[in-house]
Amino acid sequence: MIDQQDVLVLASQSPRRRELLSRVGIAFRVTPSTVEERITKTAPDEVVRELSFQKAEDVASKEPEGVWVLGADTVVALAGKILGKPADAEEAKDMLRQLSGRSHSVYTGVTLYRRMDGKTTAETFSEETKVTFYPMTEDEICRYVDSGDPMDKAGAYGIQGPAAAFIQCIEGDYNNVVGLPVAAVYQRWKEILRHGK
């Protein structure tokens, strides 16, 4: 197990990421990133790696040297097109209509970043999970959007909430869809600590 004295700084206010880190025993504190995100990539897996790096780098620049920062970013992609967080209820409904009865991918990019002795170390990776929705009726879509649950979530749904009723199957890490591939983070963090990077 990882020693509770080894503390990560989470560059995110996401309650889901906080819950996942706590669940596997990773000690952390939260310093949200305020960086203005700049996307230069187009492939979803590259986009999330880029954004996770920007978040981690931003927070690390404000932390003392030697502190490890965890940055993460999650997107939903349908046929290669990224579906972000819906701007309003109508956009949420449109996203859900697109996802209904189809398979899509959820990508989370993760960066572990540290400044030390004027140098930076960064480990960046991404995870993909494939999710298939049952067909949804217009009434189901409207009722789900009216619940408010989709509004702060990529792709306009949260797999751990009421939308679970529409998930036919997933292929890959469930927690990745929630917002963080926490087992992969745990294993990478353990290796970093083991080798004293």
N, C-alpha and C. Protein backbone atom coordinates (compact mmCIF):
# COMPACT_ATOMS: atom_id res chain seq x y z
N MET A 1 0.84 -1.20 0.00
CA MET A 1 0.00 0.00 0.00
C MET A 1 0.88 1.25 0.00
N ILE A 2 0.28 2.35 -0.48
CA ILE A 2 0.99 3.62 -0.51
C ILE A 2 0.91 4.27 0.86
N ASP A 3 2.03 4.81 1.32
CA ASP A 3 2.10 5.46 2.62
C ASP A 3 1.25 6.74 2.60
N GLN A 4 0.47 6.95 3.65
CA GLN A 4 -0.39 8.13 3.73
C GLN A 4 0.42 9.43 3.85
N GLN A 5 1.71 9.32 4.14
CA GLN A 5 2.55 10.52 4.21
C GLN A 5 2.85 11.06 2.81
N ASP A 6 2.70 10.23 1.78
CA ASP A 6 2.95 10.66 0.41
C ASP A 6 1.66 11.26 -0.14
N VAL A 7 1.68 12.57 -0.31
CA VAL A 7 0.45 13.29 -0.65
C VAL A 7 0.55 13.87 -2.06
N LEU A 8 -0.46 13.60 -2.85
CA LEU A 8 -0.60 14.22 -4.17
C LEU A 8 -1.40 15.51 -4.04
N VAL A 9 -1.17 16.42 -4.97
CA VAL A 9 -2.03 17.59 -5.09
C VAL A 9 -2.92 17.37 -6.30
N LEU A 10 -4.23 17.35 -6.09
CA LEU A 10 -5.18 17.13 -7.16
C LEU A 10 -5.56 18.48 -7.77
N ALA A 11 -5.28 18.63 -9.07
CA ALA A 11 -5.53 19.90 -9.76
C ALA A 11 -6.95 19.94 -10.31
N SER A 12 -7.92 19.58 -9.48
CA SER A 12 -9.30 19.46 -9.94
C SER A 12 -10.25 19.60 -8.76
N GLN A 13 -11.41 20.23 -9.01
CA GLN A 13 -12.43 20.32 -7.97
C GLN A 13 -13.44 19.18 -8.05
N SER A 14 -13.24 18.25 -8.99
CA SER A 14 -14.22 17.20 -9.23
C SER A 14 -14.46 16.35 -7.98
N PRO A 15 -15.69 16.32 -7.49
CA PRO A 15 -15.97 15.46 -6.33
C PRO A 15 -15.81 13.99 -6.67
N ARG A 16 -16.03 13.63 -7.93
CA ARG A 16 -15.89 12.23 -8.33
C ARG A 16 -14.42 11.80 -8.26
N ARG A 17 -13.52 12.66 -8.71
CA ARG A 17 -12.09 12.30 -8.63
C ARG A 17 -11.62 12.24 -7.18
N ARG A 18 -12.13 13.13 -6.35
CA ARG A 18 -11.76 13.09 -4.93
C ARG A 18 -12.23 11.78 -4.30
N GLU A 19 -13.44 11.39 -4.62
CA GLU A 19 -13.98 10.15 -4.05
C GLU A 19 -13.17 8.93 -4.49
N LEU A 20 -12.79 8.89 -5.78
CA LEU A 20 -12.04 7.75 -6.29
C LEU A 20 -10.65 7.65 -5.65
N LEU A 21 -9.97 8.77 -5.50
CA LEU A 21 -8.65 8.75 -4.85
C LEU A 21 -8.76 8.29 -3.40
N SER A 22 -9.77 8.79 -2.70
CA SER A 22 -9.97 8.39 -1.30
C SER A 22 -10.25 6.90 -1.19
N ARG A 23 -11.03 6.39 -2.14
CA ARG A 23 -11.45 4.99 -2.09
C ARG A 23 -10.26 4.04 -2.14
N VAL A 24 -9.21 4.40 -2.88
CA VAL A 24 -8.05 3.49 -3.00
C VAL A 24 -6.90 3.87 -2.07
N GLY A 25 -7.15 4.83 -1.18
CA GLY A 25 -6.16 5.13 -0.15
C GLY A 25 -5.03 6.06 -0.56
N ILE A 26 -5.25 6.85 -1.62
CA ILE A 26 -4.24 7.83 -2.00
C ILE A 26 -4.53 9.13 -1.25
N ALA A 27 -3.56 9.57 -0.45
CA ALA A 27 -3.72 10.83 0.28
C ALA A 27 -3.52 12.00 -0.69
N PHE A 28 -4.35 13.03 -0.55
CA PHE A 28 -4.24 14.15 -1.47
C PHE A 28 -4.84 15.40 -0.83
N ARG A 29 -4.50 16.53 -1.41
CA ARG A 29 -5.19 17.77 -1.12
C ARG A 29 -5.54 18.40 -2.46
N VAL A 30 -6.44 19.35 -2.45
CA VAL A 30 -6.97 19.90 -3.69
C VAL A 30 -6.51 21.34 -3.91
N THR A 31 -5.94 21.59 -5.08
CA THR A 31 -5.64 22.94 -5.55
C THR A 31 -6.10 23.01 -6.99
N PRO A 32 -7.31 23.52 -7.24
CA PRO A 32 -7.83 23.50 -8.61
C PRO A 32 -7.00 24.33 -9.57
N SER A 33 -6.89 23.85 -10.78
CA SER A 33 -6.22 24.60 -11.83
C SER A 33 -7.12 25.73 -12.31
N THR A 34 -6.50 26.87 -12.63
CA THR A 34 -7.24 28.01 -13.18
C THR A 34 -6.72 28.35 -14.58
N VAL A 35 -5.95 27.44 -15.16
CA VAL A 35 -5.34 27.72 -16.46
C VAL A 35 -6.42 27.82 -17.53
N GLU A 36 -6.20 28.71 -18.48
CA GLU A 36 -7.08 28.79 -19.65
C GLU A 36 -6.66 27.69 -20.61
N GLU A 37 -7.53 26.72 -20.80
CA GLU A 37 -7.17 25.54 -21.58
C GLU A 37 -6.93 25.89 -23.04
N ARG A 38 -5.85 25.34 -23.60
CA ARG A 38 -5.50 25.56 -25.00
C ARG A 38 -5.42 24.19 -25.68
N ILE A 39 -6.28 23.98 -26.64
CA ILE A 39 -6.30 22.70 -27.35
C ILE A 39 -5.65 22.86 -28.71
N THR A 40 -4.58 22.10 -28.93
CA THR A 40 -3.90 22.14 -30.23
C THR A 40 -4.03 20.81 -30.96
N LYS A 41 -4.55 19.80 -30.25
CA LYS A 41 -4.70 18.46 -30.84
C LYS A 41 -6.13 18.27 -31.33
N THR A 42 -6.34 17.20 -32.09
CA THR A 42 -7.70 16.89 -32.54
C THR A 42 -8.17 15.51 -32.08
N ALA A 43 -7.26 14.53 -32.00
CA ALA A 43 -7.64 13.19 -31.54
C ALA A 43 -8.01 13.25 -30.06
N PRO A 44 -9.14 12.64 -29.67
CA PRO A 44 -9.60 12.74 -28.27
C PRO A 44 -8.57 12.31 -27.24
N ASP A 45 -7.84 11.22 -27.50
CA ASP A 45 -6.86 10.77 -26.51
C ASP A 45 -5.72 11.77 -26.37
N GLU A 46 -5.35 12.44 -27.46
CA GLU A 46 -4.29 13.46 -27.39
C GLU A 46 -4.79 14.72 -26.71
N VAL A 47 -6.06 15.06 -26.94
CA VAL A 47 -6.65 16.25 -26.31
C VAL A 47 -6.63 16.11 -24.79
N VAL A 48 -7.07 14.95 -24.26
CA VAL A 48 -7.13 14.80 -22.80
C VAL A 48 -5.74 14.75 -22.18
N ARG A 49 -4.77 14.19 -22.90
CA ARG A 49 -3.40 14.21 -22.36
C ARG A 49 -2.88 15.65 -22.32
N GLU A 50 -3.15 16.40 -23.38
CA GLU A 50 -2.70 17.79 -23.44
C GLU A 50 -3.31 18.62 -22.32
N LEU A 51 -4.62 18.47 -22.11
CA LEU A 51 -5.29 19.27 -21.09
C LEU A 51 -4.89 18.85 -19.68
N SER A 52 -4.69 17.55 -19.46
CA SER A 52 -4.26 17.11 -18.13
C SER A 52 -2.88 17.67 -17.81
N PHE A 53 -2.01 17.74 -18.83
CA PHE A 53 -0.67 18.30 -18.64
C PHE A 53 -0.76 19.78 -18.29
N GLN A 54 -1.59 20.52 -19.00
CA GLN A 54 -1.73 21.95 -18.74
C GLN A 54 -2.20 22.21 -17.32
N LYS A 55 -3.17 21.43 -16.85
CA LYS A 55 -3.69 21.60 -15.50
C LYS A 55 -2.63 21.30 -14.45
N ALA A 56 -1.91 20.18 -14.65
CA ALA A 56 -0.88 19.80 -13.68
C ALA A 56 0.25 20.82 -13.66
N GLU A 57 0.67 21.27 -14.83
CA GLU A 57 1.75 22.25 -14.91
C GLU A 57 1.36 23.56 -14.24
N ASP A 58 0.11 23.99 -14.45
CA ASP A 58 -0.39 25.23 -13.86
C ASP A 58 -0.33 25.17 -12.33
N VAL A 59 -0.85 24.10 -11.75
CA VAL A 59 -0.87 23.99 -10.29
C VAL A 59 0.54 23.80 -9.74
N ALA A 60 1.37 23.02 -10.42
CA ALA A 60 2.74 22.79 -9.95
C ALA A 60 3.53 24.10 -9.89
N SER A 61 3.22 25.04 -10.78
CA SER A 61 3.94 26.32 -10.80
C SER A 61 3.65 27.16 -9.56
N LYS A 62 2.56 26.82 -8.85
CA LYS A 62 2.16 27.56 -7.65
C LYS A 62 2.50 26.81 -6.37
N GLU A 63 2.98 25.58 -6.52
CA GLU A 63 3.30 24.74 -5.36
C GLU A 63 4.80 24.75 -5.09
N PRO A 64 5.21 24.40 -3.88
CA PRO A 64 6.64 24.28 -3.59
C PRO A 64 7.28 23.19 -4.44
N GLU A 65 8.57 23.31 -4.70
CA GLU A 65 9.28 22.26 -5.43
C GLU A 65 9.18 20.94 -4.67
N GLY A 66 9.18 19.85 -5.44
CA GLY A 66 9.16 18.52 -4.84
C GLY A 66 7.76 17.94 -4.67
N VAL A 67 6.72 18.76 -4.89
CA VAL A 67 5.35 18.30 -4.74
C VAL A 67 4.87 17.68 -6.05
N TRP A 68 4.24 16.52 -5.95
CA TRP A 68 3.67 15.89 -7.13
C TRP A 68 2.22 16.35 -7.31
N VAL A 69 1.91 16.75 -8.54
CA VAL A 69 0.56 17.23 -8.87
C VAL A 69 -0.10 16.27 -9.86
N LEU A 70 -1.37 16.00 -9.62
CA LEU A 70 -2.15 15.14 -10.51
C LEU A 70 -3.15 16.00 -11.29
N GLY A 71 -2.99 16.03 -12.61
CA GLY A 71 -3.94 16.70 -13.48
C GLY A 71 -4.71 15.66 -14.27
N ALA A 72 -6.01 15.91 -14.51
CA ALA A 72 -6.82 14.96 -15.26
C ALA A 72 -7.86 15.70 -16.09
N ASP A 73 -8.23 15.09 -17.20
CA ASP A 73 -9.28 15.65 -18.04
C ASP A 73 -10.02 14.50 -18.72
N THR A 74 -11.34 14.57 -18.77
CA THR A 74 -12.16 13.51 -19.34
C THR A 74 -13.05 14.05 -20.45
N VAL A 75 -13.12 13.33 -21.57
CA VAL A 75 -14.05 13.69 -22.63
C VAL A 75 -14.78 12.44 -23.11
N VAL A 76 -15.95 12.68 -23.68
CA VAL A 76 -16.71 11.65 -24.37
C VAL A 76 -16.54 11.89 -25.86
N ALA A 77 -16.29 10.82 -26.61
CA ALA A 77 -16.11 10.96 -28.06
C ALA A 77 -17.01 9.97 -28.79
N LEU A 78 -17.77 10.48 -29.74
CA LEU A 78 -18.66 9.67 -30.56
C LEU A 78 -18.21 9.79 -32.00
N ALA A 79 -17.77 8.66 -32.57
CA ALA A 79 -17.26 8.64 -33.95
C ALA A 79 -16.15 9.67 -34.13
N GLY A 80 -15.30 9.80 -33.11
CA GLY A 80 -14.16 10.70 -33.18
C GLY A 80 -14.46 12.15 -32.84
N LYS A 81 -15.75 12.49 -32.64
CA LYS A 81 -16.15 13.86 -32.30
C LYS A 81 -16.29 13.99 -30.79
N ILE A 82 -15.64 15.00 -30.22
CA ILE A 82 -15.66 15.19 -28.78
C ILE A 82 -16.97 15.86 -28.35
N LEU A 83 -17.61 15.26 -27.34
CA LEU A 83 -18.79 15.85 -26.71
C LEU A 83 -18.37 16.33 -25.33
N GLY A 84 -18.32 17.63 -25.14
CA GLY A 84 -17.91 18.18 -23.85
C GLY A 84 -19.08 18.28 -22.89
N LYS A 85 -18.99 19.19 -21.94
CA LYS A 85 -20.10 19.42 -21.01
C LYS A 85 -21.15 20.27 -21.73
N PRO A 86 -22.42 19.92 -21.61
CA PRO A 86 -23.45 20.68 -22.31
C PRO A 86 -23.59 22.10 -21.77
N ALA A 87 -23.81 23.04 -22.69
CA ALA A 87 -23.96 24.44 -22.30
C ALA A 87 -25.34 24.71 -21.71
N ASP A 88 -26.33 23.93 -22.14
CA ASP A 88 -27.69 24.12 -21.65
C ASP A 88 -28.48 22.82 -21.84
N ALA A 89 -29.74 22.85 -21.43
CA ALA A 89 -30.57 21.63 -21.47
C ALA A 89 -30.77 21.12 -22.89
N GLU A 90 -30.93 22.03 -23.84
CA GLU A 90 -31.14 21.60 -25.22
C GLU A 90 -29.92 20.88 -25.78
N GLU A 91 -28.75 21.41 -25.46
CA GLU A 91 -27.52 20.74 -25.93
C GLU A 91 -27.38 19.37 -25.25
N ALA A 92 -27.75 19.27 -23.98
CA ALA A 92 -27.69 17.99 -23.27
C ALA A 92 -28.61 16.97 -23.94
N LYS A 93 -29.81 17.40 -24.30
CA LYS A 93 -30.75 16.50 -24.98
C LYS A 93 -30.19 16.05 -26.32
N ASP A 94 -29.59 16.98 -27.04
CA ASP A 94 -29.02 16.64 -28.35
C ASP A 94 -27.90 15.61 -28.21
N MET A 95 -27.04 15.79 -27.20
CA MET A 95 -25.96 14.83 -26.98
C MET A 95 -26.52 13.44 -26.67
N LEU A 96 -27.54 13.39 -25.81
CA LEU A 96 -28.12 12.10 -25.42
C LEU A 96 -28.81 11.42 -26.60
N ARG A 97 -29.42 12.21 -27.47
CA ARG A 97 -30.02 11.63 -28.68
C ARG A 97 -28.95 10.98 -29.55
N GLN A 98 -27.78 11.62 -29.60
CA GLN A 98 -26.68 11.07 -30.39
C GLN A 98 -26.14 9.78 -29.78
N LEU A 99 -26.09 9.72 -28.44
CA LEU A 99 -25.54 8.54 -27.76
C LEU A 99 -26.53 7.37 -27.72
N SER A 100 -27.81 7.67 -27.80
CA SER A 100 -28.85 6.65 -27.66
C SER A 100 -28.68 5.51 -28.67
N GLY A 101 -28.61 4.27 -28.14
CA GLY A 101 -28.52 3.09 -28.98
C GLY A 101 -27.19 2.90 -29.69
N ARG A 102 -26.17 3.63 -29.25
CA ARG A 102 -24.87 3.57 -29.93
C ARG A 102 -23.74 3.37 -28.92
N SER A 103 -22.57 3.05 -29.45
CA SER A 103 -21.36 2.94 -28.64
C SER A 103 -20.51 4.19 -28.81
N HIS A 104 -19.86 4.57 -27.74
CA HIS A 104 -18.93 5.71 -27.79
C HIS A 104 -17.74 5.41 -26.88
N SER A 105 -16.77 6.30 -26.89
CA SER A 105 -15.58 6.13 -26.06
C SER A 105 -15.47 7.26 -25.05
N VAL A 106 -15.01 6.91 -23.88
CA VAL A 106 -14.67 7.90 -22.85
C VAL A 106 -13.16 7.86 -22.66
N TYR A 107 -12.54 9.03 -22.78
CA TYR A 107 -11.09 9.14 -22.62
C TYR A 107 -10.79 10.02 -21.41
N THR A 108 -9.88 9.56 -20.57
CA THR A 108 -9.36 10.40 -19.50
C THR A 108 -7.85 10.48 -19.65
N GLY A 109 -7.36 11.71 -19.68
CA GLY A 109 -5.92 11.94 -19.69
C GLY A 109 -5.46 12.25 -18.28
N VAL A 110 -4.29 11.75 -17.92
CA VAL A 110 -3.74 11.93 -16.58
C VAL A 110 -2.28 12.37 -16.69
N THR A 111 -1.92 13.36 -15.89
CA THR A 111 -0.51 13.77 -15.80
C THR A 111 -0.09 13.83 -14.34
N LEU A 112 1.02 13.19 -14.02
CA LEU A 112 1.68 13.33 -12.72
C LEU A 112 2.91 14.20 -12.96
N TYR A 113 2.98 15.34 -12.27
CA TYR A 113 3.95 16.40 -12.62
C TYR A 113 4.64 16.89 -11.35
N ARG A 114 5.96 17.11 -11.47
CA ARG A 114 6.72 17.66 -10.34
C ARG A 114 7.84 18.56 -10.82
N ARG A 115 8.06 19.64 -10.10
CA ARG A 115 9.23 20.51 -10.29
C ARG A 115 10.23 20.19 -9.17
N MET A 116 11.51 20.02 -9.55
CA MET A 116 12.54 19.71 -8.54
C MET A 116 13.89 20.18 -9.05
N ASP A 117 14.57 21.01 -8.27
CA ASP A 117 15.91 21.49 -8.62
C ASP A 117 15.94 22.11 -10.02
N GLY A 118 14.91 22.87 -10.32
CA GLY A 118 14.87 23.57 -11.61
C GLY A 118 14.48 22.69 -12.78
N LYS A 119 14.20 21.42 -12.52
CA LYS A 119 13.80 20.51 -13.60
C LYS A 119 12.36 20.06 -13.37
N THR A 120 11.72 19.62 -14.45
CA THR A 120 10.37 19.10 -14.33
C THR A 120 10.33 17.64 -14.76
N THR A 121 9.51 16.89 -14.07
CA THR A 121 9.25 15.49 -14.44
C THR A 121 7.75 15.36 -14.66
N ALA A 122 7.38 14.77 -15.77
CA ALA A 122 5.95 14.60 -16.05
C ALA A 122 5.71 13.23 -16.66
N GLU A 123 4.74 12.53 -16.10
CA GLU A 123 4.28 11.26 -16.67
C GLU A 123 2.83 11.47 -17.11
N THR A 124 2.60 11.35 -18.40
CA THR A 124 1.27 11.58 -18.96
C THR A 124 0.80 10.35 -19.70
N PHE A 125 -0.45 9.96 -19.46
CA PHE A 125 -1.03 8.82 -20.17
C PHE A 125 -2.53 9.03 -20.29
N SER A 126 -3.17 8.20 -21.08
CA SER A 126 -4.63 8.27 -21.21
C SER A 126 -5.22 6.87 -21.21
N GLU A 127 -6.47 6.78 -20.81
CA GLU A 127 -7.21 5.52 -20.80
C GLU A 127 -8.49 5.70 -21.62
N GLU A 128 -8.87 4.64 -22.34
CA GLU A 128 -10.11 4.65 -23.11
C GLU A 128 -11.05 3.56 -22.59
N THR A 129 -12.30 3.90 -22.39
CA THR A 129 -13.34 2.93 -22.06
C THR A 129 -14.48 3.09 -23.06
N LYS A 130 -14.94 1.96 -23.60
CA LYS A 130 -16.04 2.01 -24.55
C LYS A 130 -17.36 1.75 -23.81
N VAL A 131 -18.34 2.57 -24.12
CA VAL A 131 -19.65 2.50 -23.45
C VAL A 131 -20.74 2.38 -24.52
N THR A 132 -21.68 1.47 -24.30
CA THR A 132 -22.81 1.31 -25.22
C THR A 132 -24.11 1.63 -24.49
N PHE A 133 -24.91 2.50 -25.09
CA PHE A 133 -26.20 2.89 -24.54
C PHE A 133 -27.32 2.05 -25.14
N TYR A 134 -28.31 1.70 -24.33
CA TYR A 134 -29.57 1.21 -24.86
C TYR A 134 -30.26 2.38 -25.58
N PRO A 135 -31.17 2.09 -26.49
CA PRO A 135 -31.97 3.18 -27.07
C PRO A 135 -32.76 3.89 -25.96
N MET A 136 -32.82 5.22 -26.06
CA MET A 136 -33.56 6.04 -25.09
C MET A 136 -34.74 6.69 -25.80
N THR A 137 -35.89 6.70 -25.15
CA THR A 137 -37.04 7.41 -25.71
C THR A 137 -36.86 8.91 -25.47
N GLU A 138 -37.61 9.70 -26.22
CA GLU A 138 -37.54 11.16 -26.03
C GLU A 138 -37.98 11.53 -24.62
N ASP A 139 -38.97 10.82 -24.10
CA ASP A 139 -39.44 11.09 -22.73
C ASP A 139 -38.34 10.79 -21.70
N GLU A 140 -37.63 9.69 -21.90
CA GLU A 140 -36.53 9.35 -20.98
C GLU A 140 -35.44 10.40 -21.04
N ILE A 141 -35.11 10.85 -22.24
CA ILE A 141 -34.09 11.88 -22.39
C ILE A 141 -34.51 13.16 -21.67
N CYS A 142 -35.75 13.59 -21.88
CA CYS A 142 -36.23 14.82 -21.26
C CYS A 142 -36.26 14.71 -19.73
N ARG A 143 -36.73 13.58 -19.23
CA ARG A 143 -36.79 13.41 -17.78
C ARG A 143 -35.40 13.39 -17.17
N TYR A 144 -34.45 12.74 -17.86
CA TYR A 144 -33.09 12.71 -17.34
C TYR A 144 -32.47 14.11 -17.33
N VAL A 145 -32.65 14.85 -18.39
CA VAL A 145 -32.10 16.21 -18.44
C VAL A 145 -32.76 17.09 -17.38
N ASP A 146 -34.07 16.93 -17.19
CA ASP A 146 -34.79 17.71 -16.17
C ASP A 146 -34.27 17.43 -14.76
N SER A 147 -33.66 16.26 -14.55
CA SER A 147 -33.10 15.93 -13.23
C SER A 147 -31.89 16.80 -12.89
N GLY A 148 -31.27 17.40 -13.92
CA GLY A 148 -30.09 18.23 -13.71
C GLY A 148 -28.79 17.46 -13.70
N ASP A 149 -28.85 16.15 -13.63
CA ASP A 149 -27.64 15.33 -13.52
C ASP A 149 -26.66 15.50 -14.69
N PRO A 150 -27.14 15.70 -15.93
CA PRO A 150 -26.20 15.74 -17.05
C PRO A 150 -25.39 17.03 -17.17
N MET A 151 -25.79 18.08 -16.46
CA MET A 151 -25.32 19.41 -16.83
C MET A 151 -23.84 19.70 -16.57
N ASP A 152 -23.22 19.00 -15.65
CA ASP A 152 -21.80 19.27 -15.39
C ASP A 152 -20.91 18.11 -15.82
N LYS A 153 -21.42 17.31 -16.76
CA LYS A 153 -20.70 16.09 -17.12
C LYS A 153 -20.43 16.01 -18.61
N ALA A 154 -19.24 15.57 -18.96
CA ALA A 154 -18.88 15.37 -20.37
C ALA A 154 -19.84 14.38 -21.00
N GLY A 155 -20.33 14.71 -22.19
CA GLY A 155 -21.25 13.83 -22.87
C GLY A 155 -22.66 13.85 -22.32
N ALA A 156 -22.91 14.71 -21.33
CA ALA A 156 -24.24 14.92 -20.74
C ALA A 156 -24.78 13.71 -19.98
N TYR A 157 -23.88 12.93 -19.39
CA TYR A 157 -24.37 11.85 -18.51
C TYR A 157 -23.32 11.47 -17.50
N GLY A 158 -23.79 10.93 -16.38
CA GLY A 158 -22.91 10.37 -15.37
C GLY A 158 -23.26 8.91 -15.18
N ILE A 159 -22.30 8.03 -15.41
CA ILE A 159 -22.58 6.59 -15.37
C ILE A 159 -22.96 6.12 -13.98
N GLN A 160 -22.54 6.86 -12.95
CA GLN A 160 -22.81 6.44 -11.57
C GLN A 160 -24.13 6.97 -11.04
N GLY A 161 -24.89 7.71 -11.88
CA GLY A 161 -26.16 8.27 -11.46
C GLY A 161 -27.33 7.61 -12.18
N PRO A 162 -28.42 8.35 -12.38
CA PRO A 162 -29.60 7.80 -13.04
C PRO A 162 -29.34 7.25 -14.44
N ALA A 163 -28.32 7.75 -15.11
CA ALA A 163 -28.01 7.27 -16.47
C ALA A 163 -27.59 5.81 -16.49
N ALA A 164 -27.30 5.25 -15.32
CA ALA A 164 -26.95 3.83 -15.25
C ALA A 164 -28.05 2.96 -15.84
N ALA A 165 -29.28 3.46 -15.85
CA ALA A 165 -30.41 2.71 -16.39
C ALA A 165 -30.31 2.51 -17.91
N PHE A 166 -29.44 3.30 -18.56
CA PHE A 166 -29.36 3.26 -20.01
C PHE A 166 -28.06 2.64 -20.53
N ILE A 167 -27.21 2.16 -19.61
CA ILE A 167 -25.91 1.61 -20.02
C ILE A 167 -26.06 0.12 -20.31
N GLN A 168 -25.87 -0.25 -21.56
CA GLN A 168 -25.99 -1.66 -21.94
C GLN A 168 -24.74 -2.43 -21.58
N CYS A 169 -23.57 -1.88 -21.88
CA CYS A 169 -22.32 -2.54 -21.51
C CYS A 169 -21.17 -1.55 -21.57
N ILE A 170 -20.10 -1.89 -20.88
CA ILE A 170 -18.87 -1.11 -20.98
C ILE A 170 -17.71 -2.06 -21.24
N GLU A 171 -16.70 -1.57 -21.91
CA GLU A 171 -15.49 -2.34 -22.18
C GLU A 171 -14.31 -1.51 -21.71
N GLY A 172 -13.71 -1.92 -20.60
CA GLY A 172 -12.60 -1.16 -20.03
C GLY A 172 -12.88 -0.80 -18.59
N ASP A 173 -12.21 0.24 -18.11
CA ASP A 173 -12.25 0.65 -16.71
C ASP A 173 -13.50 1.50 -16.43
N TYR A 174 -14.39 0.99 -15.60
CA TYR A 174 -15.60 1.73 -15.21
C TYR A 174 -15.24 3.08 -14.59
N ASN A 175 -14.25 3.09 -13.70
CA ASN A 175 -13.89 4.33 -12.99
C ASN A 175 -13.38 5.40 -13.96
N ASN A 176 -12.84 4.97 -15.08
CA ASN A 176 -12.41 5.92 -16.09
C ASN A 176 -13.59 6.75 -16.60
N VAL A 177 -14.76 6.10 -16.70
CA VAL A 177 -15.97 6.80 -17.14
C VAL A 177 -16.45 7.75 -16.06
N VAL A 178 -16.27 7.38 -14.81
CA VAL A 178 -16.64 8.25 -13.69
C VAL A 178 -15.77 9.51 -13.69
N GLY A 179 -14.52 9.39 -14.14
CA GLY A 179 -13.68 10.58 -14.23
C GLY A 179 -12.20 10.38 -13.94
N LEU A 180 -11.80 9.16 -13.55
CA LEU A 180 -10.38 8.93 -13.28
C LEU A 180 -10.09 7.42 -13.31
N PRO A 181 -9.13 6.99 -14.13
CA PRO A 181 -8.74 5.57 -14.11
C PRO A 181 -7.87 5.31 -12.88
N VAL A 182 -8.54 5.21 -11.74
CA VAL A 182 -7.85 5.31 -10.46
C VAL A 182 -6.87 4.16 -10.23
N ALA A 183 -7.16 2.96 -10.77
CA ALA A 183 -6.22 1.85 -10.60
C ALA A 183 -4.91 2.15 -11.33
N ALA A 184 -5.02 2.69 -12.55
CA ALA A 184 -3.81 3.05 -13.30
C ALA A 184 -3.05 4.15 -12.59
N VAL A 185 -3.78 5.12 -12.03
CA VAL A 185 -3.12 6.20 -11.26
C VAL A 185 -2.40 5.61 -10.06
N TYR A 186 -3.07 4.71 -9.34
CA TYR A 186 -2.46 4.09 -8.16
C TYR A 186 -1.16 3.37 -8.53
N GLN A 187 -1.21 2.59 -9.61
CA GLN A 187 -0.03 1.82 -10.01
C GLN A 187 1.12 2.72 -10.43
N ARG A 188 0.82 3.78 -11.18
CA ARG A 188 1.88 4.73 -11.60
C ARG A 188 2.46 5.45 -10.40
N TRP A 189 1.60 5.88 -9.49
CA TRP A 189 2.04 6.61 -8.30
C TRP A 189 2.90 5.70 -7.42
N LYS A 190 2.50 4.45 -7.30
CA LYS A 190 3.29 3.49 -6.53
C LYS A 190 4.69 3.31 -7.12
N GLU A 191 4.76 3.22 -8.46
CA GLU A 191 6.06 3.07 -9.12
C GLU A 191 6.93 4.30 -8.92
N ILE A 192 6.33 5.48 -9.01
CA ILE A 192 7.07 6.73 -8.80
C ILE A 192 7.67 6.75 -7.41
N LEU A 193 6.87 6.39 -6.40
CA LEU A 193 7.36 6.41 -5.02
C LEU A 193 8.42 5.32 -4.79
N ARG A 194 8.22 4.17 -5.43
CA ARG A 194 9.17 3.08 -5.28
C ARG A 194 10.56 3.45 -5.81
N HIS A 195 10.56 4.19 -6.91
CA HIS A 195 11.84 4.55 -7.52
C HIS A 195 12.35 5.92 -7.08
N GLY A 196 11.58 6.56 -6.18
CA GLY A 196 12.05 7.83 -5.63
C GLY A 196 12.28 8.90 -6.65
N LYS A 197 11.44 8.95 -7.67
CA LYS A 197 11.63 9.94 -8.74
C LYS A 197 11.42 11.34 -8.21
